[in-house]
Amino acid sequence: MEGLLDWLLGTLALPKVGLSAIFMISLISATLLPLGSEPAVFAYIKLRPDMFWQVIAVATLGNTLGGMIDWWMGYGAKVALLRYRLRRSHRAHAHPHAESAGRPPRSGKPALSPRYFRWMRKRGAPMLLLSWLPGIGDPLCTLAGWLRIPFWPSVCYMAIGKFLRYVLTTAALLWVPDDFWRGLGQWF
């Protein structure tokens, strides 16, 4: 697995690849893989400052598509769990004596009130403005799918959050003098 990841990163680092490399790195980093796309975005913009908005748009698109994949993974996991529970309950009803053999009965979880679902639908998608945060952003997108927060509003909030992250971090990094980056490079 490590060799495959090294090959992928080496291939995407080729200068002739350009924006497609930014797209792929942004897409892969938005899934549950621990990869950061900001260094690639910053490096490309540093090499080609005239491409600032194009790079930001491509990185935002790739990262948002990765968030959409996370959303669908969460939704699919929830559907799979519900199907599993349904099959299991059908088996339990078909053989009621087999279910309780040797195990104490489980208490069922209380049903959630409709008020909770209204609150989640009303405030759920805006929470995805935080989908850019390292460590919790990708799981937030997956959780949104699990909770069945509406897809398109989720995508819109993901895109806004990821766009703002790229603009702000890249602009902040560009304001740092070049001498700092050269000095930092000497340490490695």
C-alpha atoms as a PDB file:
ATOM      1  CA  MET A   1       0.000   0.000   0.000  1.00  0.00           C
ATOM      2  CA  GLU A   2       2.815   2.420   0.852  1.00  0.00           C
ATOM      3  CA  GLY A   3       4.524   1.736  -2.482  1.00  0.00           C
ATOM      4  CA  LEU A   4       1.289   2.453  -4.346  1.00  0.00           C
ATOM      5  CA  LEU A   5       0.834   5.715  -2.488  1.00  0.00           C
ATOM      6  CA  ASP A   6       4.459   6.733  -3.226  1.00  0.00           C
ATOM      7  CA  TRP A   7       3.939   5.952  -6.929  1.00  0.00           C
ATOM      8  CA  LEU A   8       0.666   7.929  -7.021  1.00  0.00           C
ATOM      9  CA  LEU A   9       2.209  10.967  -5.343  1.00  0.00           C
ATOM     10  CA  GLY A  10       5.272  10.757  -7.607  1.00  0.00           C
ATOM     11  CA  THR A  11       3.085  10.609 -10.710  1.00  0.00           C
ATOM     12  CA  LEU A  12       0.921  13.509  -9.571  1.00  0.00           C
ATOM     13  CA  ALA A  13       4.008  15.589  -8.802  1.00  0.00           C
ATOM     14  CA  LEU A  14       5.082  15.702 -12.443  1.00  0.00           C
ATOM     15  CA  PRO A  15       5.078  19.321 -13.675  1.00  0.00           C
ATOM     16  CA  LYS A  16       3.316  18.419 -16.917  1.00  0.00           C
ATOM     17  CA  VAL A  17       0.286  17.146 -14.998  1.00  0.00           C
ATOM     18  CA  GLY A  18      -0.613  20.569 -13.547  1.00  0.00           C
ATOM     19  CA  LEU A  19      -4.222  21.215 -12.610  1.00  0.00           C
ATOM     20  CA  SER A  20      -5.229  17.576 -12.943  1.00  0.00           C
ATOM     21  CA  ALA A  21      -2.727  16.771 -10.183  1.00  0.00           C
ATOM     22  CA  ILE A  22      -4.283  19.475  -7.998  1.00  0.00           C
ATOM     23  CA  PHE A  23      -7.714  17.990  -8.692  1.00  0.00           C
ATOM     24  CA  MET A  24      -6.648  14.426  -7.856  1.00  0.00           C
ATOM     25  CA  ILE A  25      -4.776  15.400  -4.697  1.00  0.00           C
ATOM     26  CA  SER A  26      -7.739  17.503  -3.535  1.00  0.00           C
ATOM     27  CA  LEU A  27     -10.166  14.673  -4.284  1.00  0.00           C
ATOM     28  CA  ILE A  28      -8.087  12.032  -2.512  1.00  0.00           C
ATOM     29  CA  SER A  29      -7.428  14.254   0.503  1.00  0.00           C
ATOM     30  CA  ALA A  30     -11.162  14.857   0.975  1.00  0.00           C
ATOM     31  CA  THR A  31     -11.895  11.183   1.397  1.00  0.00           C
ATOM     32  CA  LEU A  32     -10.974   9.413   4.596  1.00  0.00           C
ATOM     33  CA  LEU A  33      -7.315   9.130   3.535  1.00  0.00           C
ATOM     34  CA  PRO A  34      -4.942  11.285   5.599  1.00  0.00           C
ATOM     35  CA  LEU A  35      -3.503  13.492   2.875  1.00  0.00           C
ATOM     36  CA  GLY A  36      -3.318  17.282   2.813  1.00  0.00           C
ATOM     37  CA  SER A  37      -3.924  19.168  -0.415  1.00  0.00           C
ATOM     38  CA  GLU A  38      -2.876  22.618   0.783  1.00  0.00           C
ATOM     39  CA  PRO A  39       0.877  22.103   0.159  1.00  0.00           C
ATOM     40  CA  ALA A  40       0.211  21.103  -3.455  1.00  0.00           C
ATOM     41  CA  VAL A  41      -2.158  24.030  -3.997  1.00  0.00           C
ATOM     42  CA  PHE A  42       0.279  26.468  -2.423  1.00  0.00           C
ATOM     43  CA  ALA A  43       3.261  25.123  -4.396  1.00  0.00           C
ATOM     44  CA  TYR A  44       1.405  25.316  -7.706  1.00  0.00           C
ATOM     45  CA  ILE A  45       0.215  28.871  -7.022  1.00  0.00           C
ATOM     46  CA  LYS A  46       3.740  29.821  -5.971  1.00  0.00           C
ATOM     47  CA  LEU A  47       5.015  28.554  -9.327  1.00  0.00           C
ATOM     48  CA  ARG A  48       2.150  30.057 -11.333  1.00  0.00           C
ATOM     49  CA  PRO A  49       0.651  33.052  -9.475  1.00  0.00           C
ATOM     50  CA  ASP A  50      -1.369  33.956 -12.573  1.00  0.00           C
ATOM     51  CA  MET A  51      -3.359  30.723 -12.063  1.00  0.00           C
ATOM     52  CA  PHE A  52      -4.538  31.608  -8.520  1.00  0.00           C
ATOM     53  CA  TRP A  53      -8.301  31.478  -9.131  1.00  0.00           C
ATOM     54  CA  GLN A  54      -8.136  28.505 -11.507  1.00  0.00           C
ATOM     55  CA  VAL A  55      -6.148  26.465  -8.974  1.00  0.00           C
ATOM     56  CA  ILE A  56      -8.520  27.460  -6.151  1.00  0.00           C
ATOM     57  CA  ALA A  57     -11.534  26.467  -8.299  1.00  0.00           C
ATOM     58  CA  VAL A  58     -10.033  23.103  -9.296  1.00  0.00           C
ATOM     59  CA  ALA A  59      -8.955  22.312  -5.722  1.00  0.00           C
ATOM     60  CA  THR A  60     -12.397  23.296  -4.401  1.00  0.00           C
ATOM     61  CA  LEU A  61     -14.100  21.121  -7.008  1.00  0.00           C
ATOM     62  CA  GLY A  62     -11.920  18.108  -6.235  1.00  0.00           C
ATOM     63  CA  ASN A  63     -12.255  18.512  -2.479  1.00  0.00           C
ATOM     64  CA  THR A  64     -16.020  18.995  -2.722  1.00  0.00           C
ATOM     65  CA  LEU A  65     -16.349  15.861  -4.868  1.00  0.00           C
ATOM     66  CA  GLY A  66     -14.393  14.005  -2.191  1.00  0.00           C
ATOM     67  CA  GLY A  67     -16.825  15.330   0.414  1.00  0.00           C
ATOM     68  CA  MET A  68     -19.696  14.088  -1.754  1.00  0.00           C
ATOM     69  CA  ILE A  69     -18.089  10.648  -1.827  1.00  0.00           C
ATOM     70  CA  ASP A  70     -17.865  10.773   1.976  1.00  0.00           C
ATOM     71  CA  TRP A  71     -21.547  11.760   2.168  1.00  0.00           C
ATOM     72  CA  TRP A  72     -22.536   8.787  -0.009  1.00  0.00           C
ATOM     73  CA  MET A  73     -20.334   6.448   2.033  1.00  0.00           C
ATOM     74  CA  GLY A  74     -22.164   7.544   5.188  1.00  0.00           C
ATOM     75  CA  TYR A  75     -25.541   7.189   3.500  1.00  0.00           C
ATOM     76  CA  GLY A  76     -24.631   3.756   2.116  1.00  0.00           C
ATOM     77  CA  ALA A  77     -23.376   2.593   5.503  1.00  0.00           C
ATOM     78  CA  LYS A  78     -26.666   3.649   7.109  1.00  0.00           C
ATOM     79  CA  VAL A  79     -28.709   1.845   4.435  1.00  0.00           C
ATOM     80  CA  ALA A  80     -26.566  -1.281   4.814  1.00  0.00           C
ATOM     81  CA  LEU A  81     -27.012  -1.209   8.589  1.00  0.00           C
ATOM     82  CA  LEU A  82     -30.784  -0.821   8.274  1.00  0.00           C
ATOM     83  CA  ARG A  83     -30.960  -3.720   5.804  1.00  0.00           C
ATOM     84  CA  TYR A  84     -28.849  -5.852   8.122  1.00  0.00           C
ATOM     85  CA  ARG A  85     -31.106  -5.084  11.080  1.00  0.00           C
ATOM     86  CA  LEU A  86     -34.205  -5.782   8.995  1.00  0.00           C
ATOM     87  CA  ARG A  87     -32.882  -9.183   7.879  1.00  0.00           C
ATOM     88  CA  ARG A  88     -31.895  -9.981  11.432  1.00  0.00           C
ATOM     89  CA  SER A  89     -35.323  -9.047  12.798  1.00  0.00           C
ATOM     90  CA  HIS A  90     -37.016 -11.217  10.131  1.00  0.00           C
ATOM     91  CA  ARG A  91     -34.857 -14.150  11.189  1.00  0.00           C
ATOM     92  CA  ALA A  92     -35.677 -13.494  14.835  1.00  0.00           C
ATOM     93  CA  HIS A  93     -39.412 -13.497  14.080  1.00  0.00           C
ATOM     94  CA  ALA A  94     -39.104 -16.684  12.046  1.00  0.00           C
ATOM     95  CA  HIS A  95     -37.286 -18.463  14.900  1.00  0.00           C
ATOM     96  CA  PRO A  96     -38.271 -16.689  18.133  1.00  0.00           C
ATOM     97  CA  HIS A  97     -36.774 -19.333  20.409  1.00  0.00           C
ATOM     98  CA  ALA A  98     -33.358 -19.137  18.689  1.00  0.00           C
ATOM     99  CA  GLU A  99     -33.011 -15.394  19.370  1.00  0.00           C
ATOM    100  CA  SER A 100     -33.209 -15.638  23.135  1.00  0.00           C
ATOM    101  CA  ALA A 101     -31.142 -18.777  23.591  1.00  0.00           C
ATOM    102  CA  GLY A 102     -28.432 -17.971  26.128  1.00  0.00           C
ATOM    103  CA  ARG A 103     -28.679 -14.177  25.834  1.00  0.00           C
ATOM    104  CA  PRO A 104     -30.597 -11.635  27.845  1.00  0.00           C
ATOM    105  CA  PRO A 105     -33.069  -9.566  25.819  1.00  0.00           C
ATOM    106  CA  ARG A 106     -31.778  -6.247  24.534  1.00  0.00           C
ATOM    107  CA  SER A 107     -33.623  -3.102  25.343  1.00  0.00           C
ATOM    108  CA  GLY A 108     -34.641  -1.195  22.259  1.00  0.00           C
ATOM    109  CA  LYS A 109     -33.488   2.350  21.732  1.00  0.00           C
ATOM    110  CA  PRO A 110     -36.220   4.938  22.160  1.00  0.00           C
ATOM    111  CA  ALA A 111     -37.481   6.433  18.937  1.00  0.00           C
ATOM    112  CA  LEU A 112     -36.308   9.941  18.189  1.00  0.00           C
ATOM    113  CA  SER A 113     -38.986  12.583  18.195  1.00  0.00           C
ATOM    114  CA  PRO A 114     -40.007  14.330  14.969  1.00  0.00           C
ATOM    115  CA  ARG A 115     -38.816  17.570  16.588  1.00  0.00           C
ATOM    116  CA  TYR A 116     -35.225  16.231  16.552  1.00  0.00           C
ATOM    117  CA  PHE A 117     -35.425  15.421  12.843  1.00  0.00           C
ATOM    118  CA  ARG A 118     -36.839  18.876  12.043  1.00  0.00           C
ATOM    119  CA  TRP A 119     -33.956  20.445  13.976  1.00  0.00           C
ATOM    120  CA  MET A 120     -31.372  18.315  12.137  1.00  0.00           C
ATOM    121  CA  ARG A 121     -32.867  19.112   8.739  1.00  0.00           C
ATOM    122  CA  LYS A 122     -32.987  22.815   9.583  1.00  0.00           C
ATOM    123  CA  ARG A 123     -29.474  23.170  11.020  1.00  0.00           C
ATOM    124  CA  GLY A 124     -27.721  20.062   9.756  1.00  0.00           C
ATOM    125  CA  ALA A 125     -26.314  21.169   6.406  1.00  0.00           C
ATOM    126  CA  PRO A 126     -24.785  24.484   7.613  1.00  0.00           C
ATOM    127  CA  MET A 127     -22.577  22.446   9.936  1.00  0.00           C
ATOM    128  CA  LEU A 128     -20.757  21.332   6.783  1.00  0.00           C
ATOM    129  CA  LEU A 129     -19.193  24.779   6.524  1.00  0.00           C
ATOM    130  CA  LEU A 130     -16.720  23.144   8.921  1.00  0.00           C
ATOM    131  CA  SER A 131     -15.979  20.296   6.500  1.00  0.00           C
ATOM    132  CA  TRP A 132     -12.591  21.866   5.775  1.00  0.00           C
ATOM    133  CA  LEU A 133     -11.302  21.318   9.315  1.00  0.00           C
ATOM    134  CA  PRO A 134      -8.463  18.800   9.559  1.00  0.00           C
ATOM    135  CA  GLY A 135      -9.393  15.626  11.380  1.00  0.00           C
ATOM    136  CA  ILE A 136     -13.119  16.269  11.692  1.00  0.00           C
ATOM    137  CA  GLY A 137     -14.109  17.613   8.267  1.00  0.00           C
ATOM    138  CA  ASP A 138     -14.220  14.289   6.424  1.00  0.00           C
ATOM    139  CA  PRO A 139     -16.097  12.505   9.211  1.00  0.00           C
ATOM    140  CA  LEU A 140     -18.574  15.411   9.274  1.00  0.00           C
ATOM    141  CA  CYS A 141     -19.376  14.780   5.609  1.00  0.00           C
ATOM    142  CA  THR A 142     -19.760  11.061   6.298  1.00  0.00           C
ATOM    143  CA  LEU A 143     -21.981  11.787   9.298  1.00  0.00           C
ATOM    144  CA  ALA A 144     -24.165  14.049   7.159  1.00  0.00           C
ATOM    145  CA  GLY A 145     -24.848  11.113   4.839  1.00  0.00           C
ATOM    146  CA  TRP A 146     -25.449   8.803   7.802  1.00  0.00           C
ATOM    147  CA  LEU A 147     -28.001  11.248   9.238  1.00  0.00           C
ATOM    148  CA  ARG A 148     -29.538  11.672   5.781  1.00  0.00           C
ATOM    149  CA  ILE A 149     -29.084  15.419   5.773  1.00  0.00           C
ATOM    150  CA  PRO A 150     -30.306  16.551   2.331  1.00  0.00           C
ATOM    151  CA  PHE A 151     -27.618  16.010  -0.294  1.00  0.00           C
ATOM    152  CA  TRP A 152     -27.583  19.229  -2.358  1.00  0.00           C
ATOM    153  CA  PRO A 153     -27.664  21.660   0.578  1.00  0.00           C
ATOM    154  CA  SER A 154     -24.859  19.589   2.106  1.00  0.00           C
ATOM    155  CA  VAL A 155     -22.838  19.898  -1.097  1.00  0.00           C
ATOM    156  CA  CYS A 156     -23.368  23.662  -1.219  1.00  0.00           C
ATOM    157  CA  TYR A 157     -22.160  24.162   2.350  1.00  0.00           C
ATOM    158  CA  MET A 158     -19.221  21.819   1.784  1.00  0.00           C
ATOM    159  CA  ALA A 159     -18.186  23.780  -1.314  1.00  0.00           C
ATOM    160  CA  ILE A 160     -18.427  27.143   0.458  1.00  0.00           C
ATOM    161  CA  GLY A 161     -16.361  25.942   3.413  1.00  0.00           C
ATOM    162  CA  LYS A 162     -13.706  24.306   1.248  1.00  0.00           C
ATOM    163  CA  PHE A 163     -13.488  27.331  -1.070  1.00  0.00           C
ATOM    164  CA  LEU A 164     -12.985  29.703   1.860  1.00  0.00           C
ATOM    165  CA  ARG A 165     -10.335  27.395   3.316  1.00  0.00           C
ATOM    166  CA  TYR A 166      -8.297  27.355   0.086  1.00  0.00           C
ATOM    167  CA  VAL A 167      -8.580  31.109  -0.459  1.00  0.00           C
ATOM    168  CA  LEU A 168      -7.668  32.029   3.118  1.00  0.00           C
ATOM    169  CA  THR A 169      -4.845  29.534   3.657  1.00  0.00           C
ATOM    170  CA  THR A 170      -3.248  30.147   0.273  1.00  0.00           C
ATOM    171  CA  ALA A 171      -3.508  33.929   0.600  1.00  0.00           C
ATOM    172  CA  ALA A 172      -2.016  33.766   4.102  1.00  0.00           C
ATOM    173  CA  LEU A 173       0.846  31.571   2.887  1.00  0.00           C
ATOM    174  CA  LEU A 174       1.530  33.915  -0.037  1.00  0.00           C
ATOM    175  CA  TRP A 175       1.928  36.844   2.358  1.00  0.00           C
ATOM    176  CA  VAL A 176       4.786  35.061   4.121  1.00  0.00           C
ATOM    177  CA  PRO A 177       8.115  36.268   2.642  1.00  0.00           C
ATOM    178  CA  ASP A 178      10.000  33.887   0.334  1.00  0.00           C
ATOM    179  CA  ASP A 179      13.058  34.004   2.590  1.00  0.00           C
ATOM    180  CA  PHE A 180      11.079  32.219   5.280  1.00  0.00           C
ATOM    181  CA  TRP A 181      10.224  29.326   2.933  1.00  0.00           C
ATOM    182  CA  ARG A 182      13.834  29.052   1.740  1.00  0.00           C
ATOM    183  CA  GLY A 183      15.061  28.979   5.345  1.00  0.00           C
ATOM    184  CA  LEU A 184      12.475  26.344   6.191  1.00  0.00           C
ATOM    185  CA  GLY A 185      13.564  24.270   3.197  1.00  0.00           C
ATOM    186  CA  GLN A 186      17.158  24.235   4.453  1.00  0.00           C
ATOM    187  CA  TRP A 187      16.056  22.416   7.595  1.00  0.00           C
ATOM    188  CA  PHE A 188      14.774  19.515   5.515  1.00  0.00           C
END
